[in-house]
Amino acid sequence: MGEKKKDSDRRIGRRSLLIGGAAAALGTAALAREDLGRLWWRLPGNRKPRVEGAVDFGGALWTAASPGNFRWADRPDDYPIDRVIIHVTQGSYGSAVKVFQDPAHQAAAHYIVRKDGRITQMIRELDVAFHAGNRSFNERSVGIEHEGFVDRPQDFTDAMYAASARLTARICARYGIPVDRTHVIGHVEVPGTDHTDPGPHWDWDRYMRLVRQAKRDADHAEATA
């Protein structure tokens, strides 16, 4: 959290302009129909239709972030998702919600996990959240904030670890993301970042064990359903 850099990809991207120019020059028959269909909602004022208030993780509370803090998208069709990025809010749950709803903040994550294990979703996984400070990693990842401070190990409660692990396991299962430290990373590990979260007190060994167990449990439940 706390990323101040603007994500310049909120403007119409070079890819969109190139495809638009090609369509004008060659006609729609020269381009794949589905590619053109995914471009109209990237123009100003348009967005991919979705159910208002829907969440991607069962049991999550929906509280919408400001559109100034993310970009409408249609992931994973336009941007494959292959990372989960772990953050710490450096503040309370309430303060995180407040800044994610402020368009001037220019940053937000998809989820916030509270100390008591409750989960709030603020951006759909369909969309590109401005959370990593790196355009490529924003486009390819889901960001999860955790309530607390990096220098307070007591903020990382049992309930938080368990709930976050279930959330990450579900995201990994949904997109076929390997459950390993190459694909589940901290904000500090994003190239070019100046952030240190989740910090030295985040127990990665414990967390990854919980994620793997949660994924095994979910896989077993699905197989026996």
C-alpha atoms as a PDB file:
ATOM      1  CA  MET A   1       0.000   0.000   0.000  1.00  0.00           C
ATOM      2  CA  GLY A   2       0.980   3.644  -0.196  1.00  0.00           C
ATOM      3  CA  GLU A   3       2.219   3.542  -3.793  1.00  0.00           C
ATOM      4  CA  LYS A   4       2.289   7.130  -5.069  1.00  0.00           C
ATOM      5  CA  LYS A   5       3.382   6.593  -8.626  1.00  0.00           C
ATOM      6  CA  LYS A   6       0.853   7.121 -11.403  1.00  0.00           C
ATOM      7  CA  ASP A   7       0.052   4.110 -13.541  1.00  0.00           C
ATOM      8  CA  SER A   8       0.263   5.638 -17.008  1.00  0.00           C
ATOM      9  CA  ASP A   9      -1.573   2.706 -18.538  1.00  0.00           C
ATOM     10  CA  ARG A  10      -4.858   4.329 -17.538  1.00  0.00           C
ATOM     11  CA  ARG A  11      -4.618   6.178 -20.791  1.00  0.00           C
ATOM     12  CA  ILE A  12      -5.417   4.381 -24.042  1.00  0.00           C
ATOM     13  CA  GLY A  13      -2.450   2.061 -24.547  1.00  0.00           C
ATOM     14  CA  ARG A  14      -0.191   1.878 -27.550  1.00  0.00           C
ATOM     15  CA  ARG A  15      -1.598  -1.577 -28.272  1.00  0.00           C
ATOM     16  CA  SER A  16      -5.120  -0.186 -28.500  1.00  0.00           C
ATOM     17  CA  LEU A  17      -4.040   2.617 -30.823  1.00  0.00           C
ATOM     18  CA  LEU A  18      -2.113   0.234 -33.080  1.00  0.00           C
ATOM     19  CA  ILE A  19      -5.012  -2.190 -33.329  1.00  0.00           C
ATOM     20  CA  GLY A  20      -7.445   0.668 -33.921  1.00  0.00           C
ATOM     21  CA  GLY A  21      -5.259   1.991 -36.724  1.00  0.00           C
ATOM     22  CA  ALA A  22      -4.917  -1.447 -38.250  1.00  0.00           C
ATOM     23  CA  ALA A  23      -8.657  -1.934 -38.149  1.00  0.00           C
ATOM     24  CA  ALA A  24      -9.205   1.340 -39.988  1.00  0.00           C
ATOM     25  CA  ALA A  25      -6.601   0.506 -42.611  1.00  0.00           C
ATOM     26  CA  LEU A  26      -7.328  -3.159 -43.164  1.00  0.00           C
ATOM     27  CA  GLY A  27     -10.952  -3.522 -42.121  1.00  0.00           C
ATOM     28  CA  THR A  28     -12.334  -5.673 -39.391  1.00  0.00           C
ATOM     29  CA  ALA A  29     -12.042  -8.784 -41.550  1.00  0.00           C
ATOM     30  CA  ALA A  30      -8.256  -8.605 -41.259  1.00  0.00           C
ATOM     31  CA  LEU A  31      -8.334  -8.846 -37.448  1.00  0.00           C
ATOM     32  CA  ALA A  32      -9.681 -11.515 -35.139  1.00  0.00           C
ATOM     33  CA  ARG A  33     -13.276 -10.669 -34.260  1.00  0.00           C
ATOM     34  CA  GLU A  34     -12.755 -11.502 -30.586  1.00  0.00           C
ATOM     35  CA  ASP A  35      -9.744  -9.155 -30.318  1.00  0.00           C
ATOM     36  CA  LEU A  36     -11.802  -6.260 -31.624  1.00  0.00           C
ATOM     37  CA  GLY A  37     -14.611  -7.169 -29.282  1.00  0.00           C
ATOM     38  CA  ARG A  38     -12.289  -6.806 -26.304  1.00  0.00           C
ATOM     39  CA  LEU A  39     -11.195  -3.320 -27.306  1.00  0.00           C
ATOM     40  CA  TRP A  40     -14.402  -1.316 -27.205  1.00  0.00           C
ATOM     41  CA  TRP A  41     -14.632  -1.278 -23.398  1.00  0.00           C
ATOM     42  CA  ARG A  42     -11.037  -0.036 -23.100  1.00  0.00           C
ATOM     43  CA  LEU A  43     -12.037   3.259 -24.717  1.00  0.00           C
ATOM     44  CA  PRO A  44     -12.983   6.132 -22.367  1.00  0.00           C
ATOM     45  CA  GLY A  45     -16.491   5.734 -20.941  1.00  0.00           C
ATOM     46  CA  ASN A  46     -16.797   2.013 -21.709  1.00  0.00           C
ATOM     47  CA  ARG A  47     -16.241  -1.048 -19.547  1.00  0.00           C
ATOM     48  CA  LYS A  48     -16.800  -4.765 -19.602  1.00  0.00           C
ATOM     49  CA  PRO A  49     -20.265  -5.573 -18.189  1.00  0.00           C
ATOM     50  CA  ARG A  50     -20.231  -7.241 -14.777  1.00  0.00           C
ATOM     51  CA  VAL A  51     -22.644  -7.897 -11.911  1.00  0.00           C
ATOM     52  CA  GLU A  52     -22.626  -5.005  -9.441  1.00  0.00           C
ATOM     53  CA  GLY A  53     -21.373  -6.079  -6.017  1.00  0.00           C
ATOM     54  CA  ALA A  54     -20.246  -9.531  -7.162  1.00  0.00           C
ATOM     55  CA  VAL A  55     -17.161 -10.990  -5.469  1.00  0.00           C
ATOM     56  CA  ASP A  56     -14.614 -13.508  -6.713  1.00  0.00           C
ATOM     57  CA  PHE A  57     -14.043 -15.135  -3.314  1.00  0.00           C
ATOM     58  CA  GLY A  58     -17.004 -16.575  -1.462  1.00  0.00           C
ATOM     59  CA  GLY A  59     -17.669 -14.836   1.853  1.00  0.00           C
ATOM     60  CA  ALA A  60     -15.795 -11.650   0.968  1.00  0.00           C
ATOM     61  CA  LEU A  61     -17.468  -8.312   1.642  1.00  0.00           C
ATOM     62  CA  TRP A  62     -17.705  -6.063  -1.405  1.00  0.00           C
ATOM     63  CA  THR A  63     -16.654  -2.424  -0.964  1.00  0.00           C
ATOM     64  CA  ALA A  64     -15.782  -0.710  -4.234  1.00  0.00           C
ATOM     65  CA  ALA A  65     -12.489   1.115  -4.754  1.00  0.00           C
ATOM     66  CA  SER A  66     -12.405   4.330  -6.739  1.00  0.00           C
ATOM     67  CA  PRO A  67     -12.061   3.759 -10.508  1.00  0.00           C
ATOM     68  CA  GLY A  68      -9.108   6.147 -10.279  1.00  0.00           C
ATOM     69  CA  ASN A  69      -7.171   3.374  -8.541  1.00  0.00           C
ATOM     70  CA  PHE A  70      -7.565   0.592 -11.104  1.00  0.00           C
ATOM     71  CA  ARG A  71      -8.159  -0.029 -14.805  1.00  0.00           C
ATOM     72  CA  TRP A  72     -11.155  -1.846 -16.277  1.00  0.00           C
ATOM     73  CA  ALA A  73     -10.076  -5.082 -17.966  1.00  0.00           C
ATOM     74  CA  ASP A  74     -11.179  -8.592 -18.903  1.00  0.00           C
ATOM     75  CA  ARG A  75      -8.557 -10.768 -17.249  1.00  0.00           C
ATOM     76  CA  PRO A  76      -7.368 -13.418 -17.842  1.00  0.00           C
ATOM     77  CA  ASP A  77      -8.455 -13.104 -21.499  1.00  0.00           C
ATOM     78  CA  ASP A  78      -6.483  -9.930 -22.162  1.00  0.00           C
ATOM     79  CA  TYR A  79      -3.797 -10.318 -19.468  1.00  0.00           C
ATOM     80  CA  PRO A  80      -2.952 -13.793 -18.099  1.00  0.00           C
ATOM     81  CA  ILE A  81      -2.752 -13.884 -14.290  1.00  0.00           C
ATOM     82  CA  ASP A  82       0.291 -15.699 -12.887  1.00  0.00           C
ATOM     83  CA  ARG A  83       1.135 -13.950  -9.607  1.00  0.00           C
ATOM     84  CA  VAL A  84      -0.317 -13.212  -6.178  1.00  0.00           C
ATOM     85  CA  ILE A  85       1.332 -10.252  -4.445  1.00  0.00           C
ATOM     86  CA  ILE A  86       1.250  -9.920  -0.651  1.00  0.00           C
ATOM     87  CA  HIS A  87       1.067  -6.439   0.894  1.00  0.00           C
ATOM     88  CA  VAL A  88       0.730  -4.904   4.358  1.00  0.00           C
ATOM     89  CA  THR A  89      -1.435  -1.795   4.725  1.00  0.00           C
ATOM     90  CA  GLN A  90       0.807   0.145   7.132  1.00  0.00           C
ATOM     91  CA  GLY A  91      -2.380   1.221   8.861  1.00  0.00           C
ATOM     92  CA  SER A  92      -5.809   0.112   9.971  1.00  0.00           C
ATOM     93  CA  TYR A  93      -8.411  -1.611   7.841  1.00  0.00           C
ATOM     94  CA  GLY A  94     -10.520   1.557   7.884  1.00  0.00           C
ATOM     95  CA  SER A  95      -7.662   3.740   6.676  1.00  0.00           C
ATOM     96  CA  ALA A  96      -6.929   1.305   3.828  1.00  0.00           C
ATOM     97  CA  VAL A  97     -10.539   1.353   2.661  1.00  0.00           C
ATOM     98  CA  LYS A  98     -10.570   5.154   2.851  1.00  0.00           C
ATOM     99  CA  VAL A  99      -7.495   5.646   0.659  1.00  0.00           C
ATOM    100  CA  PHE A 100      -8.589   2.960  -1.839  1.00  0.00           C
ATOM    101  CA  GLN A 101     -11.824   4.913  -2.298  1.00  0.00           C
ATOM    102  CA  ASP A 102      -9.905   8.161  -2.847  1.00  0.00           C
ATOM    103  CA  PRO A 103      -9.205   8.699  -6.587  1.00  0.00           C
ATOM    104  CA  ALA A 104      -6.243  10.922  -5.739  1.00  0.00           C
ATOM    105  CA  HIS A 105      -4.461   8.020  -4.034  1.00  0.00           C
ATOM    106  CA  GLN A 106      -3.859   6.331  -7.415  1.00  0.00           C
ATOM    107  CA  ALA A 107      -3.312   2.893  -5.851  1.00  0.00           C
ATOM    108  CA  ALA A 108      -5.402   0.033  -4.466  1.00  0.00           C
ATOM    109  CA  ALA A 109      -5.313  -3.747  -4.122  1.00  0.00           C
ATOM    110  CA  HIS A 110      -7.986  -6.297  -5.009  1.00  0.00           C
ATOM    111  CA  TYR A 111      -8.429  -7.533  -1.428  1.00  0.00           C
ATOM    112  CA  ILE A 112      -7.863  -6.540   2.192  1.00  0.00           C
ATOM    113  CA  VAL A 113      -7.561  -9.219   4.894  1.00  0.00           C
ATOM    114  CA  ARG A 114      -8.320  -8.033   8.419  1.00  0.00           C
ATOM    115  CA  LYS A 115      -6.683  -9.217  11.641  1.00  0.00           C
ATOM    116  CA  ASP A 116      -9.838 -11.148  12.528  1.00  0.00           C
ATOM    117  CA  GLY A 117      -9.757 -12.978   9.189  1.00  0.00           C
ATOM    118  CA  ARG A 118     -12.564 -11.098   7.473  1.00  0.00           C
ATOM    119  CA  ILE A 119     -11.896 -10.372   3.804  1.00  0.00           C
ATOM    120  CA  THR A 120     -13.000  -7.344   1.799  1.00  0.00           C
ATOM    121  CA  GLN A 121     -12.812  -7.240  -1.998  1.00  0.00           C
ATOM    122  CA  MET A 122     -12.513  -3.758  -3.501  1.00  0.00           C
ATOM    123  CA  ILE A 123     -11.544  -4.516  -7.122  1.00  0.00           C
ATOM    124  CA  ARG A 124     -12.663  -7.436  -9.263  1.00  0.00           C
ATOM    125  CA  GLU A 125      -9.973  -9.879 -10.337  1.00  0.00           C
ATOM    126  CA  LEU A 126     -11.100  -9.065 -13.883  1.00  0.00           C
ATOM    127  CA  ASP A 127      -9.567  -5.618 -13.499  1.00  0.00           C
ATOM    128  CA  VAL A 128      -6.005  -4.297 -13.195  1.00  0.00           C
ATOM    129  CA  ALA A 129      -5.400  -2.853  -9.734  1.00  0.00           C
ATOM    130  CA  PHE A 130      -2.637  -0.273  -9.303  1.00  0.00           C
ATOM    131  CA  HIS A 131      -0.950  -2.028  -6.374  1.00  0.00           C
ATOM    132  CA  ALA A 132       2.523  -3.186  -7.396  1.00  0.00           C
ATOM    133  CA  GLY A 133       4.149  -0.009  -8.742  1.00  0.00           C
ATOM    134  CA  ASN A 134       5.065  -1.927 -11.888  1.00  0.00           C
ATOM    135  CA  ARG A 135       2.737  -1.969 -14.902  1.00  0.00           C
ATOM    136  CA  SER A 136       3.587  -5.496 -16.029  1.00  0.00           C
ATOM    137  CA  PHE A 137       3.141  -6.923 -12.523  1.00  0.00           C
ATOM    138  CA  ASN A 138      -0.125  -5.012 -12.073  1.00  0.00           C
ATOM    139  CA  GLU A 139      -1.479  -6.592 -15.234  1.00  0.00           C
ATOM    140  CA  ARG A 140      -0.443 -10.143 -14.322  1.00  0.00           C
ATOM    141  CA  SER A 141      -1.250 -10.272 -10.599  1.00  0.00           C
ATOM    142  CA  VAL A 142      -3.870 -10.189  -7.863  1.00  0.00           C
ATOM    143  CA  GLY A 143      -2.952  -7.975  -4.903  1.00  0.00           C
ATOM    144  CA  ILE A 144      -3.838  -8.846  -1.296  1.00  0.00           C
ATOM    145  CA  GLU A 145      -3.396  -6.278   1.486  1.00  0.00           C
ATOM    146  CA  HIS A 146      -3.141  -7.308   5.148  1.00  0.00           C
ATOM    147  CA  GLU A 147      -4.176  -5.003   7.964  1.00  0.00           C
ATOM    148  CA  GLY A 148      -1.303  -3.929  10.179  1.00  0.00           C
ATOM    149  CA  PHE A 149       2.284  -2.704  10.232  1.00  0.00           C
ATOM    150  CA  VAL A 150       5.429  -4.438   8.984  1.00  0.00           C
ATOM    151  CA  ASP A 151       7.244  -3.860  12.306  1.00  0.00           C
ATOM    152  CA  ARG A 152       4.433  -5.363  14.443  1.00  0.00           C
ATOM    153  CA  PRO A 153       4.515  -9.180  14.225  1.00  0.00           C
ATOM    154  CA  GLN A 154       1.497  -9.333  16.544  1.00  0.00           C
ATOM    155  CA  ASP A 155      -0.615  -7.854  13.718  1.00  0.00           C
ATOM    156  CA  PHE A 156      -0.202 -11.049  11.688  1.00  0.00           C
ATOM    157  CA  THR A 157      -2.753 -13.166  13.535  1.00  0.00           C
ATOM    158  CA  ASP A 158      -3.641 -16.840  13.140  1.00  0.00           C
ATOM    159  CA  ALA A 159      -7.010 -15.818  11.702  1.00  0.00           C
ATOM    160  CA  MET A 160      -5.350 -13.532   9.160  1.00  0.00           C
ATOM    161  CA  TYR A 161      -2.858 -16.164   7.995  1.00  0.00           C
ATOM    162  CA  ALA A 162      -5.581 -18.810   7.644  1.00  0.00           C
ATOM    163  CA  ALA A 163      -8.023 -16.580   5.769  1.00  0.00           C
ATOM    164  CA  SER A 164      -5.369 -15.145   3.478  1.00  0.00           C
ATOM    165  CA  ALA A 165      -4.051 -18.641   2.714  1.00  0.00           C
ATOM    166  CA  ARG A 166      -7.531 -19.803   1.680  1.00  0.00           C
ATOM    167  CA  LEU A 167      -7.879 -16.739  -0.533  1.00  0.00           C
ATOM    168  CA  THR A 168      -4.497 -17.233  -2.199  1.00  0.00           C
ATOM    169  CA  ALA A 169      -5.156 -20.955  -2.677  1.00  0.00           C
ATOM    170  CA  ARG A 170      -8.448 -20.154  -4.401  1.00  0.00           C
ATOM    171  CA  ILE A 171      -6.789 -17.587  -6.695  1.00  0.00           C
ATOM    172  CA  CYS A 172      -4.019 -20.043  -7.583  1.00  0.00           C
ATOM    173  CA  ALA A 173      -6.557 -22.774  -8.371  1.00  0.00           C
ATOM    174  CA  ARG A 174      -8.678 -20.446 -10.487  1.00  0.00           C
ATOM    175  CA  TYR A 175      -5.818 -19.378 -12.763  1.00  0.00           C
ATOM    176  CA  GLY A 176      -3.545 -22.420 -12.580  1.00  0.00           C
ATOM    177  CA  ILE A 177      -0.856 -20.528 -10.637  1.00  0.00           C
ATOM    178  CA  PRO A 178       1.821 -22.746  -9.048  1.00  0.00           C
ATOM    179  CA  VAL A 179       1.843 -22.508  -5.255  1.00  0.00           C
ATOM    180  CA  ASP A 180       5.477 -21.518  -4.789  1.00  0.00           C
ATOM    181  CA  ARG A 181       7.547 -18.483  -3.900  1.00  0.00           C
ATOM    182  CA  THR A 182       8.152 -17.638  -7.535  1.00  0.00           C
ATOM    183  CA  HIS A 183       4.449 -17.012  -8.055  1.00  0.00           C
ATOM    184  CA  VAL A 184       3.327 -15.942  -4.565  1.00  0.00           C
ATOM    185  CA  ILE A 185       5.543 -12.982  -3.717  1.00  0.00           C
ATOM    186  CA  GLY A 186       5.808  -9.951  -1.493  1.00  0.00           C
ATOM    187  CA  HIS A 187       5.513  -6.375  -2.663  1.00  0.00           C
ATOM    188  CA  VAL A 188       9.192  -5.969  -1.847  1.00  0.00           C
ATOM    189  CA  GLU A 189      10.014  -8.527  -4.555  1.00  0.00           C
ATOM    190  CA  VAL A 190       8.360  -6.608  -7.400  1.00  0.00           C
ATOM    191  CA  PRO A 191      11.022  -5.200  -9.765  1.00  0.00           C
ATOM    192  CA  GLY A 192      11.531  -1.487  -9.305  1.00  0.00           C
ATOM    193  CA  THR A 193       9.522  -1.176  -6.100  1.00  0.00           C
ATOM    194  CA  ASP A 194      10.585   1.029  -3.192  1.00  0.00           C
ATOM    195  CA  HIS A 195       8.330  -0.820  -0.718  1.00  0.00           C
ATOM    196  CA  THR A 196       9.441  -3.304   1.954  1.00  0.00           C
ATOM    197  CA  ASP A 197       6.183  -5.107   2.754  1.00  0.00           C
ATOM    198  CA  PRO A 198       5.211  -7.612   3.956  1.00  0.00           C
ATOM    199  CA  GLY A 199       8.433  -7.181   5.924  1.00  0.00           C
ATOM    200  CA  PRO A 200      10.682  -9.439   8.007  1.00  0.00           C
ATOM    201  CA  HIS A 201       7.960 -10.570  10.418  1.00  0.00           C
ATOM    202  CA  TRP A 202       5.764 -12.120   7.738  1.00  0.00           C
ATOM    203  CA  ASP A 203       6.242 -15.880   8.153  1.00  0.00           C
ATOM    204  CA  TRP A 204       6.599 -17.105   4.580  1.00  0.00           C
ATOM    205  CA  ASP A 205       7.237 -20.747   5.505  1.00  0.00           C
ATOM    206  CA  ARG A 206       4.099 -20.875   7.604  1.00  0.00           C
ATOM    207  CA  TYR A 207       2.062 -18.999   5.029  1.00  0.00           C
ATOM    208  CA  MET A 208       3.044 -21.209   2.096  1.00  0.00           C
ATOM    209  CA  ARG A 209       2.290 -24.364   4.137  1.00  0.00           C
ATOM    210  CA  LEU A 210      -1.171 -22.981   4.832  1.00  0.00           C
ATOM    211  CA  VAL A 211      -1.730 -22.082   1.174  1.00  0.00           C
ATOM    212  CA  ARG A 212      -0.712 -25.574   0.027  1.00  0.00           C
ATOM    213  CA  GLN A 213      -2.946 -27.204   2.636  1.00  0.00           C
ATOM    214  CA  ALA A 214      -5.878 -24.969   1.711  1.00  0.00           C
ATOM    215  CA  LYS A 215      -5.436 -25.852  -1.952  1.00  0.00           C
ATOM    216  CA  ARG A 216      -5.278 -29.584  -1.157  1.00  0.00           C
ATOM    217  CA  ASP A 217      -8.443 -29.294   0.938  1.00  0.00           C
ATOM    218  CA  ALA A 218     -10.246 -27.412  -1.838  1.00  0.00           C
ATOM    219  CA  ASP A 219      -9.108 -29.903  -4.469  1.00  0.00           C
ATOM    220  CA  HIS A 220     -10.303 -32.820  -2.300  1.00  0.00           C
ATOM    221  CA  ALA A 221     -13.659 -31.181  -1.647  1.00  0.00           C
ATOM    222  CA  GLU A 222     -14.145 -30.550  -5.357  1.00  0.00           C
ATOM    223  CA  ALA A 223     -13.156 -34.126  -6.265  1.00  0.00           C
ATOM    224  CA  THR A 224     -15.596 -35.643  -3.759  1.00  0.00           C
ATOM    225  CA  ALA A 225     -18.491 -33.274  -4.412  1.00  0.00           C
END
